[in-house]
Amino acid sequence: MIFDDLDNIQVKPETRNHRGCFVQEASYKLVNIDRAGWAFICMNDAVCHYVDPDNLQGSIATDLDRDMVQSI
């Protein structure tokens, strides 16, 4: 998915990160989506998570932009 505002991404209720811990429902910045398929989101400089991109919500979502997929 691509969102029109990468600085204002929401997570769906009950979203878990790659370690299985719940992620706080808040506004995040979508940093990137890695080759493994995880979305890297950050609330601020200290709080970041890898989550399933299907658990992200934004204003407008379209098909995945392959140019955004990066290796970390």
N, C-alpha and C. Protein backbone atom coordinates (compact mmCIF):
# COMPACT_ATOMS: atom_id res chain seq x y z
N MET A 1 0.83 -1.18 0.00
CA MET A 1 0.00 0.00 0.00
C MET A 1 0.87 1.24 0.00
N ILE A 2 0.35 2.26 -0.58
CA ILE A 2 0.99 3.57 -0.51
C ILE A 2 -0.02 4.51 0.12
N PHE A 3 0.47 5.38 0.93
CA PHE A 3 -0.39 6.34 1.60
C PHE A 3 -0.03 7.73 1.13
N ASP A 4 -1.01 8.60 1.05
CA ASP A 4 -0.75 9.95 0.57
C ASP A 4 -0.02 10.80 1.60
N ASP A 5 -0.08 10.44 2.86
CA ASP A 5 0.60 11.20 3.91
C ASP A 5 1.44 10.23 4.74
N LEU A 6 2.71 10.09 4.40
CA LEU A 6 3.58 9.12 5.08
C LEU A 6 3.90 9.51 6.51
N ASP A 7 3.63 10.75 6.88
CA ASP A 7 3.91 11.21 8.24
C ASP A 7 2.71 11.05 9.17
N ASN A 8 1.62 10.53 8.67
CA ASN A 8 0.42 10.39 9.49
C ASN A 8 -0.24 9.04 9.21
N ILE A 9 0.44 7.98 9.59
CA ILE A 9 -0.05 6.62 9.40
C ILE A 9 -0.58 6.12 10.74
N GLN A 10 -1.71 5.47 10.71
CA GLN A 10 -2.30 4.88 11.91
C GLN A 10 -2.15 3.36 11.84
N VAL A 11 -2.14 2.71 12.99
CA VAL A 11 -2.14 1.25 13.01
C VAL A 11 -3.53 0.77 13.43
N LYS A 12 -3.92 -0.36 12.91
CA LYS A 12 -5.21 -0.93 13.26
C LYS A 12 -5.17 -1.42 14.71
N PRO A 13 -6.31 -1.48 15.37
CA PRO A 13 -6.35 -2.01 16.74
C PRO A 13 -5.76 -3.42 16.80
N GLU A 14 -5.09 -3.71 17.89
CA GLU A 14 -4.50 -5.03 18.16
C GLU A 14 -3.32 -5.36 17.24
N THR A 15 -2.70 -4.35 16.63
CA THR A 15 -1.52 -4.58 15.79
C THR A 15 -0.35 -5.01 16.66
N ARG A 16 0.38 -6.00 16.17
CA ARG A 16 1.58 -6.48 16.86
C ARG A 16 2.81 -6.22 15.99
N ASN A 17 3.95 -6.04 16.65
CA ASN A 17 5.18 -5.84 15.89
C ASN A 17 5.79 -7.19 15.54
N HIS A 18 6.98 -7.17 14.96
CA HIS A 18 7.63 -8.41 14.51
C HIS A 18 8.01 -9.33 15.66
N ARG A 19 8.01 -8.82 16.88
CA ARG A 19 8.32 -9.64 18.05
C ARG A 19 7.06 -10.16 18.74
N GLY A 20 5.90 -9.76 18.25
CA GLY A 20 4.65 -10.22 18.84
C GLY A 20 4.07 -9.32 19.91
N CYS A 21 4.71 -8.19 20.17
CA CYS A 21 4.21 -7.25 21.17
C CYS A 21 3.22 -6.28 20.54
N PHE A 22 2.22 -5.89 21.33
CA PHE A 22 1.24 -4.93 20.83
C PHE A 22 1.89 -3.58 20.58
N VAL A 23 1.44 -2.91 19.53
CA VAL A 23 1.93 -1.58 19.17
C VAL A 23 0.88 -0.57 19.60
N GLN A 24 1.33 0.51 20.22
CA GLN A 24 0.42 1.56 20.69
C GLN A 24 -0.32 2.18 19.51
N GLU A 25 -1.63 2.34 19.66
CA GLU A 25 -2.42 3.01 18.63
C GLU A 25 -2.11 4.50 18.70
N ALA A 26 -1.44 5.00 17.67
CA ALA A 26 -1.02 6.39 17.62
C ALA A 26 -0.71 6.75 16.17
N SER A 27 -0.27 7.96 15.96
CA SER A 27 0.14 8.41 14.64
C SER A 27 1.62 8.08 14.46
N TYR A 28 1.97 7.48 13.32
CA TYR A 28 3.34 7.09 13.02
C TYR A 28 3.77 7.66 11.68
N LYS A 29 5.06 7.67 11.47
CA LYS A 29 5.63 8.00 10.16
C LYS A 29 6.06 6.68 9.52
N LEU A 30 5.63 6.45 8.28
CA LEU A 30 6.07 5.26 7.54
C LEU A 30 7.44 5.56 6.96
N VAL A 31 8.47 4.85 7.46
CA VAL A 31 9.84 5.09 7.02
C VAL A 31 10.12 4.31 5.74
N ASN A 32 9.83 3.01 5.74
CA ASN A 32 9.99 2.19 4.54
C ASN A 32 9.34 0.83 4.73
N ILE A 33 9.35 0.07 3.65
CA ILE A 33 8.92 -1.33 3.69
C ILE A 33 10.10 -2.14 3.18
N ASP A 34 10.60 -3.05 4.02
CA ASP A 34 11.81 -3.79 3.63
C ASP A 34 11.47 -4.95 2.71
N ARG A 35 12.51 -5.60 2.19
CA ARG A 35 12.32 -6.69 1.23
C ARG A 35 11.61 -7.89 1.84
N ALA A 36 11.68 -8.04 3.14
CA ALA A 36 10.99 -9.14 3.82
C ALA A 36 9.50 -8.86 3.96
N GLY A 37 9.09 -7.62 3.66
CA GLY A 37 7.68 -7.27 3.71
C GLY A 37 7.23 -6.54 4.95
N TRP A 38 8.14 -6.25 5.88
CA TRP A 38 7.79 -5.53 7.10
C TRP A 38 7.78 -4.03 6.84
N ALA A 39 6.77 -3.34 7.37
CA ALA A 39 6.73 -1.88 7.32
C ALA A 39 7.45 -1.36 8.56
N PHE A 40 8.39 -0.43 8.35
CA PHE A 40 9.12 0.19 9.46
C PHE A 40 8.46 1.53 9.74
N ILE A 41 7.85 1.66 10.92
CA ILE A 41 7.14 2.88 11.29
C ILE A 41 7.75 3.47 12.56
N CYS A 42 7.72 4.80 12.66
CA CYS A 42 8.26 5.47 13.84
C CYS A 42 7.27 6.49 14.38
N MET A 43 7.10 6.47 15.70
CA MET A 43 6.26 7.46 16.37
C MET A 43 7.08 8.73 16.60
N ASN A 44 8.35 8.54 16.95
CA ASN A 44 9.29 9.64 17.17
C ASN A 44 10.70 9.07 16.98
N ASP A 45 11.72 9.79 17.40
CA ASP A 45 13.10 9.31 17.21
C ASP A 45 13.44 8.11 18.08
N ALA A 46 12.66 7.85 19.12
CA ALA A 46 12.98 6.77 20.05
C ALA A 46 12.07 5.56 19.94
N VAL A 47 10.90 5.70 19.33
CA VAL A 47 9.92 4.61 19.28
C VAL A 47 9.63 4.24 17.83
N CYS A 48 10.14 3.07 17.42
CA CYS A 48 9.91 2.57 16.07
C CYS A 48 9.55 1.09 16.14
N HIS A 49 8.83 0.61 15.14
CA HIS A 49 8.38 -0.78 15.09
C HIS A 49 8.40 -1.31 13.67
N TYR A 50 8.61 -2.62 13.54
CA TYR A 50 8.35 -3.33 12.30
C TYR A 50 6.98 -3.96 12.44
N VAL A 51 6.09 -3.69 11.50
CA VAL A 51 4.73 -4.24 11.53
C VAL A 51 4.34 -4.75 10.15
N ASP A 52 3.30 -5.57 10.12
CA ASP A 52 2.74 -6.03 8.86
C ASP A 52 2.06 -4.84 8.18
N PRO A 53 2.41 -4.54 6.92
CA PRO A 53 1.80 -3.40 6.23
C PRO A 53 0.27 -3.48 6.15
N ASP A 54 -0.29 -4.68 6.22
CA ASP A 54 -1.75 -4.82 6.19
C ASP A 54 -2.41 -4.22 7.43
N ASN A 55 -1.62 -3.97 8.48
CA ASN A 55 -2.15 -3.39 9.71
C ASN A 55 -2.04 -1.88 9.76
N LEU A 56 -1.68 -1.26 8.64
CA LEU A 56 -1.57 0.20 8.58
C LEU A 56 -2.83 0.79 7.99
N GLN A 57 -3.16 1.99 8.47
CA GLN A 57 -4.31 2.73 7.95
C GLN A 57 -3.84 4.13 7.60
N GLY A 58 -4.34 4.65 6.51
CA GLY A 58 -4.03 6.01 6.11
C GLY A 58 -5.21 6.61 5.40
N SER A 59 -5.05 7.80 4.89
CA SER A 59 -6.15 8.47 4.20
C SER A 59 -6.52 7.77 2.90
N ILE A 60 -5.52 7.56 2.04
CA ILE A 60 -5.77 6.91 0.75
C ILE A 60 -4.72 5.84 0.55
N ALA A 61 -5.15 4.61 0.31
CA ALA A 61 -4.22 3.51 0.07
C ALA A 61 -4.41 3.01 -1.35
N THR A 62 -3.27 2.73 -2.03
CA THR A 62 -3.31 2.16 -3.37
C THR A 62 -2.37 0.97 -3.40
N ASP A 63 -2.07 0.47 -4.57
CA ASP A 63 -1.18 -0.68 -4.69
C ASP A 63 0.22 -0.35 -4.18
N LEU A 64 0.94 -1.38 -3.77
CA LEU A 64 2.29 -1.23 -3.25
C LEU A 64 3.21 -0.66 -4.31
N ASP A 65 3.95 0.37 -3.98
CA ASP A 65 4.93 0.97 -4.88
C ASP A 65 6.24 0.23 -4.68
N ARG A 66 6.66 -0.52 -5.67
CA ARG A 66 7.87 -1.35 -5.57
C ARG A 66 9.12 -0.50 -5.38
N ASP A 67 9.10 0.78 -5.77
CA ASP A 67 10.26 1.64 -5.56
C ASP A 67 10.49 1.93 -4.09
N MET A 68 9.45 1.79 -3.28
CA MET A 68 9.59 2.06 -1.85
C MET A 68 10.23 0.89 -1.12
N VAL A 69 10.17 -0.29 -1.69
CA VAL A 69 10.72 -1.47 -1.05
C VAL A 69 12.23 -1.34 -1.03
N GLN A 70 12.81 -1.41 0.16
CA GLN A 70 14.25 -1.22 0.32
C GLN A 70 14.80 -2.29 1.25
N SER A 71 16.07 -2.51 1.14
CA SER A 71 16.70 -3.39 2.12
C SER A 71 17.24 -2.53 3.25
N ILE A 72 17.25 -3.10 4.42
CA ILE A 72 17.73 -2.34 5.58
C ILE A 72 19.11 -2.83 5.93
